[in-house]
Amino acid sequence: MMKIFGMILSPYVTRVALAARHKGLKHTITMPKDGTKTPAFLKMNPLGKMPVIKDGATTLFESGVILEYIDAKYKKKRLIPSEAKAAAKVRLMAAFFAEY
């Protein structure tokens, strides 16, 4: 089961949770014990930000990287279409929401 560390009110955590749900992945969402600046959390993400995922032996941070990992590892219900123009539109939309 994938663990998502963060608060669902965060748009970055939400986008990871929505992707996991879209793909039918079993996952939990939990706030890091004692916050994001603890040594334990900083070991997972030295920037001390959410989200972070633990998927088996894999630990990742940064929502865009997490989404690409999820899409590459779990092929069912792709997040990024294989057709170039459609893929570019999805990436543009994601970049727009992440940046602005």
N, C-alpha and C. Protein backbone atom coordinates (compact mmCIF):
# COMPACT_ATOMS: atom_id res chain seq x y z
N MET A 1 0.83 -1.18 0.00
CA MET A 1 0.00 0.00 0.00
C MET A 1 0.88 1.25 0.00
N MET A 2 0.55 2.19 -0.85
CA MET A 2 1.31 3.43 -0.96
C MET A 2 0.91 4.36 0.19
N LYS A 3 1.91 4.97 0.82
CA LYS A 3 1.66 5.97 1.85
C LYS A 3 1.94 7.35 1.26
N ILE A 4 0.98 8.24 1.40
CA ILE A 4 1.16 9.63 0.98
C ILE A 4 1.24 10.45 2.26
N PHE A 5 2.34 11.16 2.43
CA PHE A 5 2.51 12.00 3.60
C PHE A 5 2.17 13.43 3.22
N GLY A 6 1.22 14.00 3.94
CA GLY A 6 0.82 15.37 3.70
C GLY A 6 -0.60 15.62 4.15
N MET A 7 -1.06 16.83 3.90
CA MET A 7 -2.40 17.25 4.28
C MET A 7 -3.24 17.40 3.02
N ILE A 8 -4.41 16.79 2.99
CA ILE A 8 -5.24 16.77 1.79
C ILE A 8 -5.64 18.19 1.35
N LEU A 9 -5.57 19.17 2.23
CA LEU A 9 -5.88 20.55 1.85
C LEU A 9 -4.80 21.14 0.93
N SER A 10 -3.65 20.53 0.87
CA SER A 10 -2.60 20.97 -0.03
C SER A 10 -2.94 20.54 -1.46
N PRO A 11 -2.90 21.47 -2.43
CA PRO A 11 -3.19 21.06 -3.81
C PRO A 11 -2.18 20.05 -4.35
N TYR A 12 -0.96 20.09 -3.84
CA TYR A 12 0.07 19.16 -4.31
C TYR A 12 -0.18 17.75 -3.78
N VAL A 13 -0.61 17.66 -2.54
CA VAL A 13 -0.98 16.36 -1.97
C VAL A 13 -2.23 15.84 -2.67
N THR A 14 -3.19 16.74 -2.90
CA THR A 14 -4.44 16.35 -3.54
C THR A 14 -4.20 15.78 -4.93
N ARG A 15 -3.31 16.39 -5.71
CA ARG A 15 -3.08 15.88 -7.07
C ARG A 15 -2.49 14.47 -7.05
N VAL A 16 -1.64 14.18 -6.06
CA VAL A 16 -1.09 12.83 -5.93
C VAL A 16 -2.18 11.86 -5.50
N ALA A 17 -3.00 12.27 -4.54
CA ALA A 17 -4.10 11.41 -4.06
C ALA A 17 -5.10 11.14 -5.18
N LEU A 18 -5.42 12.14 -5.98
CA LEU A 18 -6.35 11.95 -7.09
C LEU A 18 -5.78 10.98 -8.13
N ALA A 19 -4.49 11.10 -8.40
CA ALA A 19 -3.86 10.18 -9.36
C ALA A 19 -3.89 8.76 -8.84
N ALA A 20 -3.58 8.58 -7.55
CA ALA A 20 -3.62 7.24 -6.96
C ALA A 20 -5.03 6.66 -7.03
N ARG A 21 -6.01 7.50 -6.72
CA ARG A 21 -7.40 7.04 -6.78
C ARG A 21 -7.79 6.70 -8.22
N HIS A 22 -7.43 7.55 -9.18
CA HIS A 22 -7.74 7.32 -10.60
C HIS A 22 -7.20 5.97 -11.06
N LYS A 23 -6.00 5.65 -10.59
CA LYS A 23 -5.36 4.39 -11.00
C LYS A 23 -5.81 3.20 -10.16
N GLY A 24 -6.63 3.44 -9.17
CA GLY A 24 -7.13 2.35 -8.33
C GLY A 24 -6.09 1.82 -7.35
N LEU A 25 -5.13 2.65 -6.96
CA LEU A 25 -4.07 2.21 -6.05
C LEU A 25 -4.53 2.33 -4.60
N LYS A 26 -4.24 1.30 -3.83
CA LYS A 26 -4.51 1.38 -2.40
C LYS A 26 -3.49 2.34 -1.80
N HIS A 27 -3.99 3.30 -1.04
CA HIS A 27 -3.10 4.30 -0.46
C HIS A 27 -3.70 4.88 0.82
N THR A 28 -2.85 5.46 1.62
CA THR A 28 -3.27 6.19 2.80
C THR A 28 -2.67 7.59 2.71
N ILE A 29 -3.35 8.53 3.33
CA ILE A 29 -2.85 9.90 3.43
C ILE A 29 -2.72 10.22 4.91
N THR A 30 -1.53 10.63 5.31
CA THR A 30 -1.30 10.91 6.72
C THR A 30 -0.35 12.09 6.87
N MET A 31 -0.61 12.88 7.89
CA MET A 31 0.33 13.95 8.22
C MET A 31 1.56 13.32 8.87
N PRO A 32 2.74 13.85 8.55
CA PRO A 32 3.94 13.33 9.20
C PRO A 32 3.87 13.55 10.71
N LYS A 33 4.22 12.52 11.45
CA LYS A 33 4.21 12.62 12.91
C LYS A 33 5.15 13.75 13.33
N ASP A 34 4.64 14.66 14.12
CA ASP A 34 5.40 15.81 14.65
C ASP A 34 5.79 16.83 13.58
N GLY A 35 5.18 16.78 12.39
CA GLY A 35 5.40 17.81 11.38
C GLY A 35 6.45 17.48 10.34
N THR A 36 6.72 18.47 9.49
CA THR A 36 7.60 18.25 8.33
C THR A 36 9.05 18.67 8.57
N LYS A 37 9.36 19.18 9.73
CA LYS A 37 10.74 19.64 9.99
C LYS A 37 11.49 18.71 10.94
N THR A 38 10.93 17.54 11.19
CA THR A 38 11.59 16.57 12.07
C THR A 38 12.70 15.86 11.30
N PRO A 39 13.69 15.33 12.01
CA PRO A 39 14.74 14.57 11.33
C PRO A 39 14.18 13.42 10.49
N ALA A 40 13.16 12.74 10.99
CA ALA A 40 12.59 11.60 10.24
C ALA A 40 11.98 12.07 8.92
N PHE A 41 11.23 13.16 8.95
CA PHE A 41 10.62 13.63 7.70
C PHE A 41 11.69 14.23 6.78
N LEU A 42 12.63 14.99 7.33
CA LEU A 42 13.68 15.58 6.50
C LEU A 42 14.56 14.53 5.84
N LYS A 43 14.61 13.34 6.42
CA LYS A 43 15.33 12.23 5.78
C LYS A 43 14.60 11.80 4.50
N MET A 44 13.26 11.88 4.51
CA MET A 44 12.48 11.54 3.32
C MET A 44 12.49 12.69 2.31
N ASN A 45 12.43 13.92 2.80
CA ASN A 45 12.46 15.09 1.92
C ASN A 45 13.26 16.19 2.60
N PRO A 46 14.49 16.42 2.16
CA PRO A 46 15.35 17.42 2.80
C PRO A 46 14.79 18.84 2.72
N LEU A 47 13.81 19.07 1.85
CA LEU A 47 13.20 20.39 1.75
C LEU A 47 12.11 20.60 2.80
N GLY A 48 11.68 19.51 3.44
CA GLY A 48 10.67 19.61 4.49
C GLY A 48 9.30 20.00 3.97
N LYS A 49 8.97 19.58 2.74
CA LYS A 49 7.68 19.93 2.14
C LYS A 49 6.89 18.67 1.81
N MET A 50 5.60 18.88 1.61
CA MET A 50 4.70 17.79 1.23
C MET A 50 4.33 17.94 -0.24
N PRO A 51 4.01 16.86 -0.90
CA PRO A 51 3.86 15.49 -0.44
C PRO A 51 5.16 14.71 -0.54
N VAL A 52 5.16 13.60 0.18
CA VAL A 52 6.17 12.56 0.07
C VAL A 52 5.39 11.26 -0.04
N ILE A 53 5.87 10.35 -0.88
CA ILE A 53 5.25 9.02 -0.92
C ILE A 53 6.28 7.97 -0.54
N LYS A 54 5.76 6.90 0.05
CA LYS A 54 6.52 5.67 0.26
C LYS A 54 5.74 4.59 -0.45
N ASP A 55 6.37 4.00 -1.44
CA ASP A 55 5.75 2.93 -2.22
C ASP A 55 6.72 1.76 -2.19
N GLY A 56 6.51 0.88 -1.23
CA GLY A 56 7.48 -0.20 -1.03
C GLY A 56 8.80 0.40 -0.57
N ALA A 57 9.88 0.09 -1.28
CA ALA A 57 11.20 0.60 -0.93
C ALA A 57 11.48 1.97 -1.54
N THR A 58 10.54 2.50 -2.32
CA THR A 58 10.73 3.77 -3.00
C THR A 58 10.13 4.92 -2.20
N THR A 59 10.93 5.94 -1.96
CA THR A 59 10.47 7.17 -1.32
C THR A 59 10.75 8.31 -2.27
N LEU A 60 9.72 9.12 -2.54
CA LEU A 60 9.86 10.25 -3.48
C LEU A 60 9.17 11.48 -2.93
N PHE A 61 9.65 12.65 -3.36
CA PHE A 61 8.96 13.90 -3.07
C PHE A 61 8.86 14.70 -4.36
N GLU A 62 8.13 15.81 -4.31
CA GLU A 62 7.78 16.67 -5.44
C GLU A 62 6.65 16.02 -6.24
N SER A 63 5.50 16.66 -6.21
CA SER A 63 4.29 16.05 -6.78
C SER A 63 4.42 15.70 -8.25
N GLY A 64 5.07 16.55 -9.05
CA GLY A 64 5.23 16.24 -10.48
C GLY A 64 6.04 14.97 -10.71
N VAL A 65 7.10 14.81 -9.94
CA VAL A 65 7.94 13.61 -10.04
C VAL A 65 7.15 12.40 -9.57
N ILE A 66 6.40 12.55 -8.50
CA ILE A 66 5.58 11.45 -7.99
C ILE A 66 4.56 11.02 -9.04
N LEU A 67 3.91 11.98 -9.69
CA LEU A 67 2.92 11.63 -10.71
C LEU A 67 3.55 10.88 -11.87
N GLU A 68 4.73 11.30 -12.31
CA GLU A 68 5.40 10.60 -13.40
C GLU A 68 5.78 9.18 -12.98
N TYR A 69 6.24 9.03 -11.73
CA TYR A 69 6.58 7.71 -11.20
C TYR A 69 5.35 6.81 -11.19
N ILE A 70 4.24 7.31 -10.64
CA ILE A 70 3.01 6.53 -10.57
C ILE A 70 2.56 6.10 -11.96
N ASP A 71 2.64 7.03 -12.92
CA ASP A 71 2.19 6.71 -14.28
C ASP A 71 3.11 5.69 -14.94
N ALA A 72 4.41 5.78 -14.68
CA ALA A 72 5.35 4.83 -15.29
C ALA A 72 5.26 3.45 -14.65
N LYS A 73 5.07 3.41 -13.34
CA LYS A 73 5.05 2.12 -12.65
C LYS A 73 3.72 1.39 -12.81
N TYR A 74 2.64 2.12 -12.71
CA TYR A 74 1.30 1.54 -12.77
C TYR A 74 0.65 1.92 -14.09
N LYS A 75 0.73 1.03 -15.06
CA LYS A 75 0.34 1.32 -16.45
C LYS A 75 -1.17 1.49 -16.65
N LYS A 76 -1.98 0.89 -15.75
CA LYS A 76 -3.42 0.94 -15.90
C LYS A 76 -3.92 2.39 -15.76
N LYS A 77 -4.85 2.80 -16.63
CA LYS A 77 -5.45 4.14 -16.59
C LYS A 77 -4.38 5.24 -16.61
N ARG A 78 -3.73 5.39 -17.72
CA ARG A 78 -2.63 6.34 -17.87
C ARG A 78 -3.04 7.77 -17.49
N LEU A 79 -2.13 8.48 -16.86
CA LEU A 79 -2.33 9.90 -16.56
C LEU A 79 -1.90 10.76 -17.75
N ILE A 80 -0.82 10.35 -18.39
CA ILE A 80 -0.27 11.07 -19.55
C ILE A 80 -0.57 10.23 -20.79
N PRO A 81 -1.35 10.77 -21.72
CA PRO A 81 -1.66 10.02 -22.94
C PRO A 81 -0.40 9.71 -23.75
N SER A 82 -0.45 8.69 -24.58
CA SER A 82 0.72 8.33 -25.39
C SER A 82 0.85 9.22 -26.62
N GLU A 83 -0.24 9.79 -27.10
CA GLU A 83 -0.22 10.67 -28.26
C GLU A 83 0.42 12.01 -27.86
N ALA A 84 1.35 12.49 -28.67
CA ALA A 84 2.18 13.65 -28.33
C ALA A 84 1.37 14.91 -28.02
N LYS A 85 0.41 15.24 -28.87
CA LYS A 85 -0.34 16.48 -28.67
C LYS A 85 -1.18 16.41 -27.38
N ALA A 86 -1.83 15.28 -27.16
CA ALA A 86 -2.63 15.11 -25.95
C ALA A 86 -1.75 15.12 -24.71
N ALA A 87 -0.58 14.50 -24.79
CA ALA A 87 0.36 14.48 -23.67
C ALA A 87 0.84 15.89 -23.35
N ALA A 88 1.13 16.66 -24.38
CA ALA A 88 1.57 18.04 -24.18
C ALA A 88 0.49 18.87 -23.49
N LYS A 89 -0.76 18.67 -23.88
CA LYS A 89 -1.86 19.41 -23.25
C LYS A 89 -1.96 19.07 -21.76
N VAL A 90 -1.81 17.79 -21.43
CA VAL A 90 -1.88 17.38 -20.02
C VAL A 90 -0.72 17.99 -19.25
N ARG A 91 0.48 17.95 -19.82
CA ARG A 91 1.66 18.51 -19.14
C ARG A 91 1.54 20.03 -18.99
N LEU A 92 0.98 20.70 -20.01
CA LEU A 92 0.78 22.15 -19.93
C LEU A 92 -0.20 22.48 -18.82
N MET A 93 -1.29 21.75 -18.74
CA MET A 93 -2.27 22.00 -17.69
C MET A 93 -1.65 21.78 -16.30
N ALA A 94 -0.88 20.72 -16.15
CA ALA A 94 -0.23 20.44 -14.87
C ALA A 94 0.77 21.54 -14.51
N ALA A 95 1.56 21.98 -15.50
CA ALA A 95 2.53 23.05 -15.27
C ALA A 95 1.84 24.35 -14.88
N PHE A 96 0.75 24.65 -15.57
CA PHE A 96 -0.01 25.86 -15.29
C PHE A 96 -0.50 25.88 -13.84
N PHE A 97 -1.12 24.78 -13.41
CA PHE A 97 -1.64 24.73 -12.05
C PHE A 97 -0.52 24.69 -11.01
N ALA A 98 0.60 24.07 -11.33
CA ALA A 98 1.71 24.00 -10.39
C ALA A 98 2.40 25.36 -10.24
N GLU A 99 2.48 26.11 -11.31
CA GLU A 99 3.23 27.37 -11.29
C GLU A 99 2.37 28.59 -10.92
N TYR A 100 1.11 28.56 -11.30
CA TYR A 100 0.28 29.76 -11.12
C TYR A 100 -0.86 29.52 -10.18
